[in-house]
PDB file of all heavy atoms in Angstrom:
ATOM      1  N   LYS A   1      55.134-100.528  57.527  1.00  0.00           N
ATOM      2  CA  LYS A   1      54.691 -99.247  58.151  1.00  0.00           C
ATOM      3  C   LYS A   1      53.139 -99.230  58.117  1.00  0.00           C
ATOM      4  O   LYS A   1      52.448 -99.005  59.086  1.00  0.00           O
ATOM      5  CB  LYS A   1      55.360 -98.067  57.597  1.00  0.00           C
ATOM      6  CG  LYS A   1      56.687 -97.765  58.038  1.00  0.00           C
ATOM      7  CD  LYS A   1      57.163 -96.415  57.488  1.00  0.00           C
ATOM      8  CE  LYS A   1      58.661 -96.094  57.859  1.00  0.00           C
ATOM      9  NZ  LYS A   1      59.110 -95.026  57.338  1.00  0.00           N
ATOM     10  N   GLN A   2      52.523 -99.654  56.923  1.00  0.00           N
ATOM     11  CA  GLN A   2      51.135 -99.667  56.836  1.00  0.00           C
ATOM     12  C   GLN A   2      50.516-100.666  57.712  1.00  0.00           C
ATOM     13  O   GLN A   2      49.467-100.432  58.409  1.00  0.00           O
ATOM     14  CB  GLN A   2      50.704 -99.890  55.384  1.00  0.00           C
ATOM     15  CG  GLN A   2      51.057 -98.853  54.412  1.00  0.00           C
ATOM     16  CD  GLN A   2      50.383 -97.506  54.891  1.00  0.00           C
ATOM     17  OE1 GLN A   2      49.222 -97.472  55.211  1.00  0.00           O
ATOM     18  NE2 GLN A   2      51.157 -96.474  54.699  1.00  0.00           N
ATOM     19  N   GLU A   3      51.204-101.716  57.942  1.00  0.00           N
ATOM     20  CA  GLU A   3      50.770-102.900  58.804  1.00  0.00           C
ATOM     21  C   GLU A   3      50.684-102.358  60.250  1.00  0.00           C
ATOM     22  O   GLU A   3      49.771-102.448  60.947  1.00  0.00           O
ATOM     23  CB  GLU A   3      51.533-104.051  58.696  1.00  0.00           C
ATOM     24  CG  GLU A   3      50.984-105.211  59.493  1.00  0.00           C
ATOM     25  CD  GLU A   3      52.008-106.530  59.347  1.00  0.00           C
ATOM     26  OE1 GLU A   3      52.227-106.905  58.120  1.00  0.00           O
ATOM     27  OE2 GLU A   3      52.528-107.003  60.196  1.00  0.00           O
ATOM     28  N   GLU A   4      51.741-101.658  60.737  1.00  0.00           N
ATOM     29  CA  GLU A   4      51.913-101.094  62.049  1.00  0.00           C
ATOM     30  C   GLU A   4      50.775-100.059  62.313  1.00  0.00           C
ATOM     31  O   GLU A   4      50.099-100.011  63.294  1.00  0.00           O
ATOM     32  CB  GLU A   4      53.147-100.463  62.303  1.00  0.00           C
ATOM     33  CG  GLU A   4      54.421-101.341  62.455  1.00  0.00           C
ATOM     34  CD  GLU A   4      54.118-102.202  63.707  1.00  0.00           C
ATOM     35  OE1 GLU A   4      54.005-101.600  64.793  1.00  0.00           O
ATOM     36  OE2 GLU A   4      54.372-103.512  63.654  1.00  0.00           O
ATOM     37  N   ILE A   5      50.492 -99.246  61.288  1.00  0.00           N
ATOM     38  CA  ILE A   5      49.445 -98.146  61.346  1.00  0.00           C
ATOM     39  C   ILE A   5      48.134 -98.818  61.538  1.00  0.00           C
ATOM     40  O   ILE A   5      47.332 -98.403  62.470  1.00  0.00           O
ATOM     41  CB  ILE A   5      49.600 -97.232  60.109  1.00  0.00           C
ATOM     42  CG1 ILE A   5      50.753 -96.290  60.175  1.00  0.00           C
ATOM     43  CG2 ILE A   5      48.221 -96.417  60.063  1.00  0.00           C
ATOM     44  CD1 ILE A   5      50.903 -95.510  58.905  1.00  0.00           C
ATOM     45  N   GLN A   6      47.738 -99.783  60.739  1.00  0.00           N
ATOM     46  CA  GLN A   6      46.539-100.534  60.884  1.00  0.00           C
ATOM     47  C   GLN A   6      46.417-101.203  62.279  1.00  0.00           C
ATOM     48  O   GLN A   6      45.376-101.134  62.857  1.00  0.00           O
ATOM     49  CB  GLN A   6      46.407-101.568  59.878  1.00  0.00           C
ATOM     50  CG  GLN A   6      46.194-100.997  58.428  1.00  0.00           C
ATOM     51  CD  GLN A   6      44.908-100.188  58.369  1.00  0.00           C
ATOM     52  OE1 GLN A   6      43.773-100.512  58.892  1.00  0.00           O
ATOM     53  NE2 GLN A   6      44.973 -99.107  57.601  1.00  0.00           N
ATOM     54  N   LYS A   7      47.525-101.845  62.700  1.00  0.00           N
ATOM     55  CA  LYS A   7      47.470-102.419  64.004  1.00  0.00           C
ATOM     56  C   LYS A   7      47.134-101.469  65.089  1.00  0.00           C
ATOM     57  O   LYS A   7      46.349-101.730  65.956  1.00  0.00           O
ATOM     58  CB  LYS A   7      48.853-103.079  64.338  1.00  0.00           C
ATOM     59  CG  LYS A   7      48.837-103.911  65.565  1.00  0.00           C
ATOM     60  CD  LYS A   7      50.117-104.652  65.792  1.00  0.00           C
ATOM     61  CE  LYS A   7      51.162-103.805  66.254  1.00  0.00           C
ATOM     62  NZ  LYS A   7      52.403-104.432  66.557  1.00  0.00           N
ATOM     63  N   TYR A   8      47.702-100.223  65.051  1.00  0.00           N
ATOM     64  CA  TYR A   8      47.432 -99.219  66.093  1.00  0.00           C
ATOM     65  C   TYR A   8      45.988 -98.629  65.967  1.00  0.00           C
ATOM     66  O   TYR A   8      45.455 -98.197  66.919  1.00  0.00           O
ATOM     67  CB  TYR A   8      48.520 -98.288  66.195  1.00  0.00           C
ATOM     68  CG  TYR A   8      49.809 -98.833  66.849  1.00  0.00           C
ATOM     69  CD1 TYR A   8      51.020 -98.903  66.060  1.00  0.00           C
ATOM     70  CD2 TYR A   8      49.898 -99.271  68.080  1.00  0.00           C
ATOM     71  CE1 TYR A   8      52.151 -99.476  66.519  1.00  0.00           C
ATOM     72  CE2 TYR A   8      51.103 -99.811  68.686  1.00  0.00           C
ATOM     73  CZ  TYR A   8      52.166 -99.877  67.986  1.00  0.00           C
ATOM     74  OH  TYR A   8      53.251-100.476  68.503  1.00  0.00           O
ATOM     75  N   GLU A   9      45.620 -98.415  64.695  1.00  0.00           N
ATOM     76  CA  GLU A   9      44.355 -97.920  64.461  1.00  0.00           C
ATOM     77  C   GLU A   9      43.220 -98.697  64.988  1.00  0.00           C
ATOM     78  O   GLU A   9      42.109 -98.304  65.425  1.00  0.00           O
ATOM     79  CB  GLU A   9      43.965 -97.667  63.031  1.00  0.00           C
ATOM     80  CG  GLU A   9      45.085 -96.631  62.482  1.00  0.00           C
ATOM     81  CD  GLU A   9      44.464 -95.213  62.276  1.00  0.00           C
ATOM     82  OE1 GLU A   9      43.232 -95.116  62.109  1.00  0.00           O
ATOM     83  OE2 GLU A   9      45.280 -94.331  62.279  1.00  0.00           O
ATOM     84  N   GLN A  10      43.427-100.100  65.148  1.00  0.00           N
ATOM     85  CA  GLN A  10      42.498-101.089  65.613  1.00  0.00           C
ATOM     86  C   GLN A  10      42.328-100.699  67.137  1.00  0.00           C
ATOM     87  O   GLN A  10      41.235-101.274  67.638  1.00  0.00           O
ATOM     88  CB  GLN A  10      42.807-102.378  65.259  1.00  0.00           C
ATOM     89  CG  GLN A  10      42.513-102.567  63.896  1.00  0.00           C
ATOM     90  CD  GLN A  10      43.161-103.950  63.353  1.00  0.00           C
ATOM     91  OE1 GLN A  10      43.573-104.812  64.198  1.00  0.00           O
ATOM     92  NE2 GLN A  10      42.970-104.325  62.196  1.00  0.00           N
ATOM     93  N   LEU A  11      43.275-100.127  67.800  1.00  0.00           N
ATOM     94  CA  LEU A  11      43.159-100.125  69.224  1.00  0.00           C
ATOM     95  C   LEU A  11      42.592 -98.792  69.603  1.00  0.00           C
ATOM     96  O   LEU A  11      42.834 -98.175  70.689  1.00  0.00           O
ATOM     97  CB  LEU A  11      44.655-100.075  69.801  1.00  0.00           C
ATOM     98  CG  LEU A  11      45.360-101.339  69.573  1.00  0.00           C
ATOM     99  CD1 LEU A  11      46.878-101.295  70.033  1.00  0.00           C
ATOM    100  CD2 LEU A  11      44.668-102.545  70.146  1.00  0.00           C
ATOM    101  N   ASP A  12      41.743 -98.167  68.781  1.00  0.00           N
ATOM    102  CA  ASP A  12      41.194 -96.835  69.019  1.00  0.00           C
ATOM    103  C   ASP A  12      39.948 -96.773  69.642  1.00  0.00           C
ATOM    104  O   ASP A  12      39.301 -95.815  69.681  1.00  0.00           O
ATOM    105  CB  ASP A  12      40.962 -96.113  67.539  1.00  0.00           C
ATOM    106  CG  ASP A  12      42.314 -95.714  66.973  1.00  0.00           C
ATOM    107  OD1 ASP A  12      43.403 -95.678  67.669  1.00  0.00           O
ATOM    108  OD2 ASP A  12      42.277 -95.313  65.787  1.00  0.00           O
ATOM    109  N   GLN A  13      39.606 -97.813  70.525  1.00  0.00           N
ATOM    110  CA  GLN A  13      38.362 -97.702  71.265  1.00  0.00           C
ATOM    111  C   GLN A  13      38.625 -97.210  72.674  1.00  0.00           C
ATOM    112  O   GLN A  13      39.766 -97.392  73.200  1.00  0.00           O
ATOM    113  CB  GLN A  13      37.768 -99.170  71.290  1.00  0.00           C
ATOM    114  CG  GLN A  13      37.673 -99.897  69.973  1.00  0.00           C
ATOM    115  CD  GLN A  13      36.732 -99.056  69.043  1.00  0.00           C
ATOM    116  OE1 GLN A  13      35.682 -98.519  69.575  1.00  0.00           O
ATOM    117  NE2 GLN A  13      36.929 -98.988  67.769  1.00  0.00           N
ATOM    118  N   LEU A  14      37.721 -96.435  73.126  1.00  0.00           N
ATOM    119  CA  LEU A  14      37.869 -95.947  74.463  1.00  0.00           C
ATOM    120  C   LEU A  14      37.820 -97.221  75.454  1.00  0.00           C
ATOM    121  O   LEU A  14      37.037 -98.140  75.168  1.00  0.00           O
ATOM    122  CB  LEU A  14      36.634 -95.004  74.839  1.00  0.00           C
ATOM    123  CG  LEU A  14      36.820 -93.633  74.272  1.00  0.00           C
ATOM    124  CD1 LEU A  14      35.518 -92.851  74.564  1.00  0.00           C
ATOM    125  CD2 LEU A  14      37.923 -92.921  74.993  1.00  0.00           C
ATOM    126  N   PRO A  15      38.659 -97.123  76.585  1.00  0.00           N
ATOM    127  CA  PRO A  15      38.688 -98.283  77.390  1.00  0.00           C
ATOM    128  C   PRO A  15      37.337 -98.523  78.096  1.00  0.00           C
ATOM    129  O   PRO A  15      36.661 -97.563  78.447  1.00  0.00           O
ATOM    130  CB  PRO A  15      39.686 -97.915  78.438  1.00  0.00           C
ATOM    131  CG  PRO A  15      40.350 -96.799  77.854  1.00  0.00           C
ATOM    132  CD  PRO A  15      39.569 -96.086  76.808  1.00  0.00           C
ATOM    133  N   PRO A  16      36.899 -99.611  78.250  1.00  0.00           N
ATOM    134  CA  PRO A  16      35.558-100.020  78.902  1.00  0.00           C
ATOM    135  C   PRO A  16      35.427 -99.397  80.354  1.00  0.00           C
ATOM    136  O   PRO A  16      34.322 -99.297  80.785  1.00  0.00           O
ATOM    137  CB  PRO A  16      35.364-101.417  78.838  1.00  0.00           C
ATOM    138  CG  PRO A  16      36.695-101.989  78.561  1.00  0.00           C
ATOM    139  CD  PRO A  16      37.639-100.973  77.933  1.00  0.00           C
ATOM    140  N   TYR A  17      36.579 -99.213  80.978  1.00  0.00           N
ATOM    141  CA  TYR A  17      36.364 -98.842  82.383  1.00  0.00           C
ATOM    142  C   TYR A  17      35.947 -97.425  82.583  1.00  0.00           C
ATOM    143  O   TYR A  17      35.654 -96.905  83.556  1.00  0.00           O
ATOM    144  CB  TYR A  17      37.682 -99.042  83.234  1.00  0.00           C
ATOM    145  CG  TYR A  17      38.846 -98.184  82.656  1.00  0.00           C
ATOM    146  CD1 TYR A  17      39.047 -96.875  82.981  1.00  0.00           C
ATOM    147  CD2 TYR A  17      39.772 -98.882  81.846  1.00  0.00           C
ATOM    148  CE1 TYR A  17      40.105 -96.291  82.575  1.00  0.00           C
ATOM    149  CE2 TYR A  17      40.847 -98.128  81.389  1.00  0.00           C
ATOM    150  CZ  TYR A  17      40.970 -96.811  81.637  1.00  0.00           C
ATOM    151  OH  TYR A  17      42.073 -96.200  81.227  1.00  0.00           O
ATOM    152  N   LEU A  18      35.817 -96.803  81.416  1.00  0.00           N
ATOM    153  CA  LEU A  18      35.318 -95.245  81.448  1.00  0.00           C
ATOM    154  C   LEU A  18      33.771 -95.325  81.544  1.00  0.00           C
ATOM    155  O   LEU A  18      33.283 -94.370  81.970  1.00  0.00           O
ATOM    156  CB  LEU A  18      35.756 -94.577  80.175  1.00  0.00           C
ATOM    157  CG  LEU A  18      37.188 -94.240  79.978  1.00  0.00           C
ATOM    158  CD1 LEU A  18      37.385 -93.544  78.827  1.00  0.00           C
ATOM    159  CD2 LEU A  18      37.821 -93.422  81.015  1.00  0.00           C
ATOM    160  N   PHE A  19      33.171 -96.350  81.369  1.00  0.00           N
ATOM    161  CA  PHE A  19      31.775 -96.522  81.476  1.00  0.00           C
ATOM    162  C   PHE A  19      31.378 -97.483  82.268  1.00  0.00           C
ATOM    163  O   PHE A  19      31.803 -98.770  82.201  1.00  0.00           O
ATOM    164  CB  PHE A  19      31.198 -96.784  79.992  1.00  0.00           C
ATOM    165  CG  PHE A  19      31.643 -95.713  78.998  1.00  0.00           C
ATOM    166  CD1 PHE A  19      32.769 -96.109  78.197  1.00  0.00           C
ATOM    167  CD2 PHE A  19      31.023 -94.484  78.832  1.00  0.00           C
ATOM    168  CE1 PHE A  19      33.128 -95.247  77.193  1.00  0.00           C
ATOM    169  CE2 PHE A  19      31.475 -93.632  77.935  1.00  0.00           C
ATOM    170  CZ  PHE A  19      32.626 -93.937  77.126  1.00  0.00           C
ATOM    171  N   THR A  20      30.566 -97.274  83.296  1.00  0.00           N
ATOM    172  CA  THR A  20      30.052 -98.208  84.265  1.00  0.00           C
ATOM    173  C   THR A  20      28.504 -98.330  84.180  1.00  0.00           C
ATOM    174  O   THR A  20      27.885 -97.348  83.690  1.00  0.00           O
ATOM    175  CB  THR A  20      30.301 -97.801  85.681  1.00  0.00           C
ATOM    176  OG1 THR A  20      29.818 -96.572  86.016  1.00  0.00           O
ATOM    177  CG2 THR A  20      31.846 -97.768  85.857  1.00  0.00           C
ATOM    178  N   LYS A  21      28.029 -99.438  84.526  1.00  0.00           N
ATOM    179  CA  LYS A  21      26.507 -99.754  84.330  1.00  0.00           C
ATOM    180  C   LYS A  21      25.735 -98.828  85.233  1.00  0.00           C
ATOM    181  O   LYS A  21      24.676 -98.305  84.716  1.00  0.00           O
ATOM    182  CB  LYS A  21      26.150-101.136  84.746  1.00  0.00           C
ATOM    183  CG  LYS A  21      26.766-102.227  83.790  1.00  0.00           C
ATOM    184  CD  LYS A  21      26.338-103.641  84.163  1.00  0.00           C
ATOM    185  CE  LYS A  21      27.115-104.499  83.233  1.00  0.00           C
ATOM    186  NZ  LYS A  21      26.705-106.021  83.639  1.00  0.00           N
ATOM    187  N   ASP A  22      26.167 -98.533  86.237  1.00  0.00           N
ATOM    188  CA  ASP A  22      25.299 -97.572  87.223  1.00  0.00           C
ATOM    189  C   ASP A  22      25.345 -96.113  86.713  1.00  0.00           C
ATOM    190  O   ASP A  22      24.489 -95.274  87.168  1.00  0.00           O
ATOM    191  CB  ASP A  22      25.767 -97.684  88.512  1.00  0.00           C
ATOM    192  CG  ASP A  22      27.353 -97.482  88.855  1.00  0.00           C
ATOM    193  OD1 ASP A  22      28.158 -97.968  88.086  1.00  0.00           O
ATOM    194  OD2 ASP A  22      27.805 -96.804  89.810  1.00  0.00           O
ATOM    195  N   THR A  23      26.150 -95.840  85.835  1.00  0.00           N
ATOM    196  CA  THR A  23      26.194 -94.422  85.412  1.00  0.00           C
ATOM    197  C   THR A  23      25.221 -94.306  84.052  1.00  0.00           C
ATOM    198  O   THR A  23      24.772 -93.193  83.708  1.00  0.00           O
ATOM    199  CB  THR A  23      27.608 -93.820  84.971  1.00  0.00           C
ATOM    200  OG1 THR A  23      28.051 -94.653  83.992  1.00  0.00           O
ATOM    201  CG2 THR A  23      28.409 -93.823  86.249  1.00  0.00           C
ATOM    202  N   ILE A  24      24.878 -95.386  83.465  1.00  0.00           N
ATOM    203  CA  ILE A  24      24.019 -95.325  82.343  1.00  0.00           C
ATOM    204  C   ILE A  24      22.589 -95.419  82.773  1.00  0.00           C
ATOM    205  O   ILE A  24      22.187 -96.484  83.313  1.00  0.00           O
ATOM    206  CB  ILE A  24      24.349 -96.577  81.324  1.00  0.00           C
ATOM    207  CG1 ILE A  24      25.779 -96.481  80.930  1.00  0.00           C
ATOM    208  CG2 ILE A  24      23.368 -96.489  80.204  1.00  0.00           C
ATOM    209  CD1 ILE A  24      26.234 -97.546  80.046  1.00  0.00           C
ATOM    210  N   LYS A  25      21.821 -94.450  82.618  1.00  0.00           N
ATOM    211  CA  LYS A  25      20.456 -94.349  83.066  1.00  0.00           C
ATOM    212  C   LYS A  25      19.478 -93.947  81.966  1.00  0.00           C
ATOM    213  O   LYS A  25      18.587 -94.682  81.637  1.00  0.00           O
ATOM    214  CB  LYS A  25      20.276 -93.369  84.218  1.00  0.00           C
ATOM    215  CG  LYS A  25      21.082 -93.824  85.479  1.00  0.00           C
ATOM    216  CD  LYS A  25      20.858 -92.960  86.595  1.00  0.00           C
ATOM    217  CE  LYS A  25      21.775 -93.490  87.813  1.00  0.00           C
ATOM    218  NZ  LYS A  25      21.940 -92.524  88.898  1.00  0.00           N
ATOM    219  N   PHE A  26      19.724 -92.961  81.421  1.00  0.00           N
ATOM    220  CA  PHE A  26      18.961 -92.437  80.126  1.00  0.00           C
ATOM    221  C   PHE A  26      19.895 -91.560  79.349  1.00  0.00           C
ATOM    222  O   PHE A  26      20.924 -91.080  79.676  1.00  0.00           O
ATOM    223  CB  PHE A  26      17.888 -91.569  80.556  1.00  0.00           C
ATOM    224  CG  PHE A  26      18.163 -90.251  81.497  1.00  0.00           C
ATOM    225  CD1 PHE A  26      18.406 -89.122  80.872  1.00  0.00           C
ATOM    226  CD2 PHE A  26      18.438 -90.352  82.807  1.00  0.00           C
ATOM    227  CE1 PHE A  26      18.712 -87.947  81.488  1.00  0.00           C
ATOM    228  CE2 PHE A  26      18.717 -89.416  83.541  1.00  0.00           C
ATOM    229  CZ  PHE A  26      18.882 -88.119  82.866  1.00  0.00           C
ATOM    230  N   LYS A  27      19.398 -91.343  78.051  1.00  0.00           N
ATOM    231  CA  LYS A  27      20.134 -90.577  77.048  1.00  0.00           C
ATOM    232  C   LYS A  27      19.846 -89.143  77.441  1.00  0.00           C
ATOM    233  O   LYS A  27      18.639 -88.636  77.473  1.00  0.00           O
ATOM    234  CB  LYS A  27      19.831 -90.924  75.701  1.00  0.00           C
ATOM    235  CG  LYS A  27      20.207 -92.288  75.274  1.00  0.00           C
ATOM    236  CD  LYS A  27      19.874 -92.598  73.899  1.00  0.00           C
ATOM    237  CE  LYS A  27      20.446 -94.023  73.531  1.00  0.00           C
ATOM    238  NZ  LYS A  27      20.287 -94.358  72.192  1.00  0.00           N
ATOM    239  N   GLN A  28      20.966 -88.423  77.573  1.00  0.00           N
ATOM    240  CA  GLN A  28      20.937 -86.906  77.869  1.00  0.00           C
ATOM    241  C   GLN A  28      21.268 -86.238  76.628  1.00  0.00           C
ATOM    242  O   GLN A  28      22.385 -86.313  76.076  1.00  0.00           O
ATOM    243  CB  GLN A  28      21.754 -86.533  79.062  1.00  0.00           C
ATOM    244  CG  GLN A  28      21.702 -85.211  79.494  1.00  0.00           C
ATOM    245  CD  GLN A  28      22.484 -84.897  80.795  1.00  0.00           C
ATOM    246  OE1 GLN A  28      22.953 -85.977  81.450  1.00  0.00           O
ATOM    247  NE2 GLN A  28      22.847 -83.788  81.179  1.00  0.00           N
ATOM    248  N   PRO A  29      20.453 -85.212  76.237  1.00  0.00           N
ATOM    249  CA  PRO A  29      20.830 -84.394  75.032  1.00  0.00           C
ATOM    250  C   PRO A  29      21.917 -83.310  75.437  1.00  0.00           C
ATOM    251  O   PRO A  29      21.833 -82.692  76.455  1.00  0.00           O
ATOM    252  CB  PRO A  29      19.616 -83.687  74.611  1.00  0.00           C
ATOM    253  CG  PRO A  29      18.734 -83.634  75.909  1.00  0.00           C
ATOM    254  CD  PRO A  29      19.180 -84.870  76.614  1.00  0.00           C
ATOM    255  N   ILE A  30      23.109 -83.259  74.623  1.00  0.00           N
ATOM    256  CA  ILE A  30      24.077 -82.227  74.798  1.00  0.00           C
ATOM    257  C   ILE A  30      24.441 -81.536  73.554  1.00  0.00           C
ATOM    258  O   ILE A  30      24.092 -82.191  72.491  1.00  0.00           O
ATOM    259  CB  ILE A  30      25.298 -82.855  75.473  1.00  0.00           C
ATOM    260  CG1 ILE A  30      25.999 -83.862  74.480  1.00  0.00           C
ATOM    261  CG2 ILE A  30      25.144 -83.356  76.903  1.00  0.00           C
ATOM    262  CD1 ILE A  30      27.421 -84.208  74.946  1.00  0.00           C
ATOM    263  N   ASN A  31      24.930 -80.304  73.527  1.00  0.00           N
ATOM    264  CA  ASN A  31      25.104 -79.691  72.484  1.00  0.00           C
ATOM    265  C   ASN A  31      26.618 -79.506  72.207  1.00  0.00           C
ATOM    266  O   ASN A  31      27.362 -78.974  73.127  1.00  0.00           O
ATOM    267  CB  ASN A  31      24.521 -78.166  72.371  1.00  0.00           C
ATOM    268  CG  ASN A  31      24.572 -77.588  71.051  1.00  0.00           C
ATOM    269  OD1 ASN A  31      24.752 -78.155  70.089  1.00  0.00           O
ATOM    270  ND2 ASN A  31      24.307 -76.226  71.159  1.00  0.00           N
ATOM    271  N   VAL A  32      27.144 -80.121  71.183  1.00  0.00           N
ATOM    272  CA  VAL A  32      28.586 -80.187  70.772  1.00  0.00           C
ATOM    273  C   VAL A  32      28.740 -79.743  69.410  1.00  0.00           C
ATOM    274  O   VAL A  32      28.248 -80.311  68.483  1.00  0.00           O
ATOM    275  CB  VAL A  32      29.230 -81.644  70.982  1.00  0.00           C
ATOM    276  CG1 VAL A  32      30.690 -81.551  70.665  1.00  0.00           C
ATOM    277  CG2 VAL A  32      28.991 -82.047  72.461  1.00  0.00           C
ATOM    278  N   LEU A  33      29.511 -78.554  69.255  1.00  0.00           N
ATOM    279  CA  LEU A  33      29.659 -78.040  67.806  1.00  0.00           C
ATOM    280  C   LEU A  33      28.374 -77.816  67.130  1.00  0.00           C
ATOM    281  O   LEU A  33      28.278 -78.176  66.030  1.00  0.00           O
ATOM    282  CB  LEU A  33      30.618 -78.906  66.989  1.00  0.00           C
ATOM    283  CG  LEU A  33      32.017 -79.102  67.668  1.00  0.00           C
ATOM    284  CD1 LEU A  33      32.806 -80.180  66.873  1.00  0.00           C
ATOM    285  CD2 LEU A  33      32.784 -77.782  67.770  1.00  0.00           C
ATOM    286  N   ASN A  34      27.468 -77.182  67.855  1.00  0.00           N
ATOM    287  CA  ASN A  34      26.050 -76.911  67.285  1.00  0.00           C
ATOM    288  C   ASN A  34      25.427 -78.132  66.782  1.00  0.00           C
ATOM    289  O   ASN A  34      24.472 -78.096  65.879  1.00  0.00           O
ATOM    290  CB  ASN A  34      26.279 -75.917  66.195  1.00  0.00           C
ATOM    291  CG  ASN A  34      26.793 -74.534  66.536  1.00  0.00           C
ATOM    292  OD1 ASN A  34      26.481 -74.193  67.690  1.00  0.00           O
ATOM    293  ND2 ASN A  34      27.622 -73.869  65.915  1.00  0.00           N
ATOM    294  N   VAL A  35      25.778 -79.345  67.260  1.00  0.00           N
ATOM    295  CA  VAL A  35      25.084 -80.524  66.976  1.00  0.00           C
ATOM    296  C   VAL A  35      24.556 -81.190  68.277  1.00  0.00           C
ATOM    297  O   VAL A  35      25.159 -81.236  69.354  1.00  0.00           O
ATOM    298  CB  VAL A  35      26.031 -81.514  66.204  1.00  0.00           C
ATOM    299  CG1 VAL A  35      25.329 -82.860  66.045  1.00  0.00           C
ATOM    300  CG2 VAL A  35      26.490 -80.957  64.986  1.00  0.00           C
ATOM    301  N   THR A  36      23.306 -81.644  68.367  1.00  0.00           N
ATOM    302  CA  THR A  36      22.709 -82.159  69.494  1.00  0.00           C
ATOM    303  C   THR A  36      22.968 -83.788  69.460  1.00  0.00           C
ATOM    304  O   THR A  36      22.741 -84.361  68.526  1.00  0.00           O
ATOM    305  CB  THR A  36      21.232 -81.881  69.654  1.00  0.00           C
ATOM    306  OG1 THR A  36      20.932 -80.443  69.672  1.00  0.00           O
ATOM    307  CG2 THR A  36      20.660 -82.476  70.884  1.00  0.00           C
ATOM    308  N   LEU A  37      23.720 -84.231  70.532  1.00  0.00           N
ATOM    309  CA  LEU A  37      24.032 -85.470  70.630  1.00  0.00           C
ATOM    310  C   LEU A  37      23.159 -86.170  71.941  1.00  0.00           C
ATOM    311  O   LEU A  37      23.048 -85.516  72.786  1.00  0.00           O
ATOM    312  CB  LEU A  37      25.515 -85.795  70.832  1.00  0.00           C
ATOM    313  CG  LEU A  37      26.368 -85.260  69.752  1.00  0.00           C
ATOM    314  CD1 LEU A  37      27.826 -85.524  70.271  1.00  0.00           C
ATOM    315  CD2 LEU A  37      26.102 -85.958  68.387  1.00  0.00           C
ATOM    316  N   LEU A  38      22.806 -87.397  71.858  1.00  0.00           N
ATOM    317  CA  LEU A  38      22.213 -88.061  72.911  1.00  0.00           C
ATOM    318  C   LEU A  38      23.215 -89.027  73.540  1.00  0.00           C
ATOM    319  O   LEU A  38      23.705 -89.935  72.836  1.00  0.00           O
ATOM    320  CB  LEU A  38      20.976 -88.849  72.406  1.00  0.00           C
ATOM    321  CG  LEU A  38      19.871 -88.018  71.912  1.00  0.00           C
ATOM    322  CD1 LEU A  38      18.643 -88.948  71.269  1.00  0.00           C
ATOM    323  CD2 LEU A  38      19.305 -87.053  72.888  1.00  0.00           C
TER     324      LEU A  38
END
């Protein structure tokens, strides 16, 4: 079970098709949970 959990936890990356080169232009500050993220 621990091995299965580790195997699935390694697949926790967002799929690359969510991000395209033409949408990346500059870092935009946003406020999430009172924390500013770029």
